[in-house]
C-alpha atoms as a PDB file:
ATOM      1  CA  UNK A   1      13.209   7.995  60.651  1.00  0.00           C
ATOM      2  CA  UNK A   2      10.257   6.317  62.032  1.00  0.00           C
ATOM      3  CA  UNK A   3       6.579   8.092  61.498  1.00  0.00           C
ATOM      4  CA  UNK A   4       6.251   8.952  65.171  1.00  0.00           C
ATOM      5  CA  UNK A   5       9.355  10.578  64.840  1.00  0.00           C
ATOM      6  CA  UNK A   6       8.843  12.545  61.608  1.00  0.00           C
ATOM      7  CA  UNK A   7       5.972  14.332  63.111  1.00  0.00           C
ATOM      8  CA  UNK A   8       7.448  14.561  66.385  1.00  0.00           C
ATOM      9  CA  UNK A   9      10.111  16.592  64.360  1.00  0.00           C
ATOM     10  CA  UNK A  10       7.975  17.932  61.888  1.00  0.00           C
ATOM     11  CA  UNK A  11       5.785  19.584  65.061  1.00  0.00           C
ATOM     12  CA  UNK A  12       8.547  20.575  66.804  1.00  0.00           C
ATOM     13  CA  UNK A  13      10.226  22.511  63.948  1.00  0.00           C
ATOM     14  CA  UNK A  14       6.902  24.009  62.982  1.00  0.00           C
ATOM     15  CA  UNK A  15       6.380  25.479  66.429  1.00  0.00           C
ATOM     16  CA  UNK A  16       9.871  26.699  66.593  1.00  0.00           C
ATOM     17  CA  UNK A  17       9.479  28.742  63.590  1.00  0.00           C
ATOM     18  CA  UNK A  18       6.070  29.772  63.916  1.00  0.00           C
ATOM     19  CA  UNK A  19       4.752  28.075  60.931  1.00  0.00           C
ATOM     20  CA  UNK A  20       1.106  26.411  60.964  1.00  0.00           C
ATOM     21  CA  UNK A  21       0.765  23.290  58.911  1.00  0.00           C
ATOM     22  CA  UNK A  22      -2.652  23.017  57.886  1.00  0.00           C
ATOM     23  CA  UNK A  23      -4.891  19.997  58.218  1.00  0.00           C
ATOM     24  CA  UNK A  24      -4.883  19.400  54.210  1.00  0.00           C
ATOM     25  CA  UNK A  25      -1.200  19.771  54.049  1.00  0.00           C
ATOM     26  CA  UNK A  26      -0.032  17.912  56.986  1.00  0.00           C
ATOM     27  CA  UNK A  27      -0.010  14.237  54.839  1.00  0.00           C
ATOM     28  CA  UNK A  28       2.067  16.187  52.172  1.00  0.00           C
ATOM     29  CA  UNK A  29       4.672  18.114  54.580  1.00  0.00           C
ATOM     30  CA  UNK A  30       5.370  14.528  56.483  1.00  0.00           C
ATOM     31  CA  UNK A  31       5.671  12.498  53.153  1.00  0.00           C
ATOM     32  CA  UNK A  32       8.085  14.863  51.552  1.00  0.00           C
ATOM     33  CA  UNK A  33      10.334  15.577  55.208  1.00  0.00           C
ATOM     34  CA  UNK A  34      10.233  11.475  54.759  1.00  0.00           C
ATOM     35  CA  UNK A  35      11.343  11.419  51.640  1.00  0.00           C
ATOM     36  CA  UNK A  36      14.281  14.429  52.581  1.00  0.00           C
ATOM     37  CA  UNK A  37      14.919  11.754  56.076  1.00  0.00           C
ATOM     38  CA  UNK A  38      15.876   8.851  53.525  1.00  0.00           C
ATOM     39  CA  UNK A  39      17.851  11.120  51.488  1.00  0.00           C
ATOM     40  CA  UNK A  40      19.585  12.620  54.315  1.00  0.00           C
ATOM     41  CA  UNK A  41      20.008   8.744  55.997  1.00  0.00           C
ATOM     42  CA  UNK A  42      21.455   7.765  52.443  1.00  0.00           C
ATOM     43  CA  UNK A  43      24.257  10.362  52.379  1.00  0.00           C
ATOM     44  CA  UNK A  44      25.308   9.763  56.167  1.00  0.00           C
ATOM     45  CA  UNK A  45      25.601   6.389  55.472  1.00  0.00           C
ATOM     46  CA  UNK A  46      29.071   7.245  52.825  1.00  0.00           C
ATOM     47  CA  UNK A  47      32.084   6.725  54.961  1.00  0.00           C
ATOM     48  CA  UNK A  48      34.330  10.100  54.308  1.00  0.00           C
ATOM     49  CA  UNK A  49      37.906  10.602  55.212  1.00  0.00           C
ATOM     50  CA  UNK A  50      39.536  14.062  56.074  1.00  0.00           C
ATOM     51  CA  UNK A  51      40.930  13.859  52.431  1.00  0.00           C
ATOM     52  CA  UNK A  52      37.225  13.881  50.650  1.00  0.00           C
ATOM     53  CA  UNK A  53      36.676  17.389  51.298  1.00  0.00           C
ATOM     54  CA  UNK A  54      35.162  19.370  48.502  1.00  0.00           C
ATOM     55  CA  UNK A  55      37.446  20.712  46.188  1.00  0.00           C
ATOM     56  CA  UNK A  56      38.446  24.715  45.927  1.00  0.00           C
ATOM     57  CA  UNK A  57      37.597  24.182  42.183  1.00  0.00           C
ATOM     58  CA  UNK A  58      35.565  22.304  39.941  1.00  0.00           C
ATOM     59  CA  UNK A  59      37.893  20.802  36.888  1.00  0.00           C
ATOM     60  CA  UNK A  60      35.684  18.494  34.811  1.00  0.00           C
ATOM     61  CA  UNK A  61      37.413  15.559  33.026  1.00  0.00           C
ATOM     62  CA  UNK A  62      36.419  13.703  30.054  1.00  0.00           C
ATOM     63  CA  UNK A  63      35.698   9.989  30.355  1.00  0.00           C
ATOM     64  CA  UNK A  64      38.995   9.311  27.946  1.00  0.00           C
ATOM     65  CA  UNK A  65      40.988  11.362  30.330  1.00  0.00           C
ATOM     66  CA  UNK A  66      39.633   9.530  33.430  1.00  0.00           C
ATOM     67  CA  UNK A  67      40.882   6.072  31.879  1.00  0.00           C
ATOM     68  CA  UNK A  68      44.122   7.525  31.236  1.00  0.00           C
END
């Protein structure tokens, strides 16, 4: 997202939620939202197929089991 898009989104989301962003906090809010947007873009860039769904249960595997 561009800086203008971030500001527009944060302002619209804050208005929709009835939140006031104090001027002293605005730079921090925009900075953290920009960071979160970069994280989301990184995750969105990973191609997924239908078989990539989350597992029902997690069963840890030791490194030696993984190589076998």
